[in-house]
Amino acid sequence: MGAGTAVAVPAPAQPMPLGPAGAEDAASALLMARPRARRIEVTGERADSTTTRAEP
């Protein structure tokens, strides 16, 4: 490369915004959990004594 040659450099990957920590059903929770690398609660399965979460 000579002087004055432009080189494209990819921008560093930005982490996905966290967004809501709950989804109504398990399928939606899984789709949210994986790209965010965090647990998402399945709010449609919430009970008085239990909580269901989708793991990434």
C-alpha atoms as a PDB file:
ATOM      1  CA  MET A   1       0.000   0.000   0.000  1.00  0.00           C
ATOM      2  CA  GLY A   2       1.325   3.362  -0.927  1.00  0.00           C
ATOM      3  CA  ALA A   3       0.866   6.734   0.656  1.00  0.00           C
ATOM      4  CA  GLY A   4      -2.702   8.001   0.472  1.00  0.00           C
ATOM      5  CA  THR A   5      -4.256   4.528   0.197  1.00  0.00           C
ATOM      6  CA  ALA A   6      -7.425   4.115   2.252  1.00  0.00           C
ATOM      7  CA  VAL A   7      -7.954   0.879   4.121  1.00  0.00           C
ATOM      8  CA  ALA A   8     -11.370  -0.165   5.451  1.00  0.00           C
ATOM      9  CA  VAL A   9     -11.248  -1.404   9.029  1.00  0.00           C
ATOM     10  CA  PRO A  10     -14.392  -2.954  10.531  1.00  0.00           C
ATOM     11  CA  ALA A  11     -15.783  -1.178  13.558  1.00  0.00           C
ATOM     12  CA  PRO A  12     -15.544  -3.063  16.852  1.00  0.00           C
ATOM     13  CA  ALA A  13     -18.607  -5.154  17.587  1.00  0.00           C
ATOM     14  CA  GLN A  14     -21.060  -3.352  19.827  1.00  0.00           C
ATOM     15  CA  PRO A  15     -22.764  -5.438  22.503  1.00  0.00           C
ATOM     16  CA  MET A  16     -26.479  -5.895  21.974  1.00  0.00           C
ATOM     17  CA  PRO A  17     -28.575  -3.679  24.271  1.00  0.00           C
ATOM     18  CA  LEU A  18     -29.935  -5.588  27.228  1.00  0.00           C
ATOM     19  CA  GLY A  19     -33.587  -4.720  26.662  1.00  0.00           C
ATOM     20  CA  PRO A  20     -36.362  -6.371  28.652  1.00  0.00           C
ATOM     21  CA  ALA A  21     -35.503  -9.311  30.923  1.00  0.00           C
ATOM     22  CA  GLY A  22     -38.791 -11.113  30.301  1.00  0.00           C
ATOM     23  CA  ALA A  23     -40.760 -12.723  27.476  1.00  0.00           C
ATOM     24  CA  GLU A  24     -44.251 -14.200  27.441  1.00  0.00           C
ATOM     25  CA  ASP A  25     -43.285 -17.654  26.102  1.00  0.00           C
ATOM     26  CA  ALA A  26     -40.237 -19.952  26.145  1.00  0.00           C
ATOM     27  CA  ALA A  27     -39.502 -19.671  22.423  1.00  0.00           C
ATOM     28  CA  SER A  28     -39.386 -15.874  22.571  1.00  0.00           C
ATOM     29  CA  ALA A  29     -37.267 -15.992  25.718  1.00  0.00           C
ATOM     30  CA  LEU A  30     -34.716 -18.259  24.027  1.00  0.00           C
ATOM     31  CA  LEU A  31     -34.551 -15.978  20.997  1.00  0.00           C
ATOM     32  CA  MET A  32     -33.868 -13.037  23.315  1.00  0.00           C
ATOM     33  CA  ALA A  33     -31.403 -14.836  25.621  1.00  0.00           C
ATOM     34  CA  ARG A  34     -28.882 -16.078  23.065  1.00  0.00           C
ATOM     35  CA  PRO A  35     -27.814 -12.825  21.394  1.00  0.00           C
ATOM     36  CA  ARG A  36     -27.880 -10.950  24.711  1.00  0.00           C
ATOM     37  CA  ALA A  37     -25.897 -13.654  26.558  1.00  0.00           C
ATOM     38  CA  ARG A  38     -28.163 -13.378  29.594  1.00  0.00           C
ATOM     39  CA  ARG A  39     -31.063 -15.192  31.235  1.00  0.00           C
ATOM     40  CA  ILE A  40     -34.575 -14.137  30.230  1.00  0.00           C
ATOM     41  CA  GLU A  41     -37.585 -14.879  32.426  1.00  0.00           C
ATOM     42  CA  VAL A  42     -40.539 -16.698  30.828  1.00  0.00           C
ATOM     43  CA  THR A  43     -43.262 -14.508  32.300  1.00  0.00           C
ATOM     44  CA  GLY A  44     -46.083 -16.695  30.985  1.00  0.00           C
ATOM     45  CA  GLU A  45     -44.919 -19.521  33.273  1.00  0.00           C
ATOM     46  CA  ARG A  46     -44.491 -17.406  36.423  1.00  0.00           C
ATOM     47  CA  ALA A  47     -46.073 -18.817  39.590  1.00  0.00           C
ATOM     48  CA  ASP A  48     -46.118 -17.855  43.267  1.00  0.00           C
ATOM     49  CA  SER A  49     -43.240 -20.158  44.148  1.00  0.00           C
ATOM     50  CA  THR A  50     -41.409 -20.747  40.837  1.00  0.00           C
ATOM     51  CA  THR A  51     -39.690 -18.792  38.097  1.00  0.00           C
ATOM     52  CA  THR A  52     -38.748 -20.165  34.669  1.00  0.00           C
ATOM     53  CA  ARG A  53     -35.842 -18.630  32.779  1.00  0.00           C
ATOM     54  CA  ALA A  54     -34.345 -19.274  29.361  1.00  0.00           C
ATOM     55  CA  GLU A  55     -30.556 -19.658  29.471  1.00  0.00           C
ATOM     56  CA  PRO A  56     -28.403 -18.363  26.603  1.00  0.00           C
END
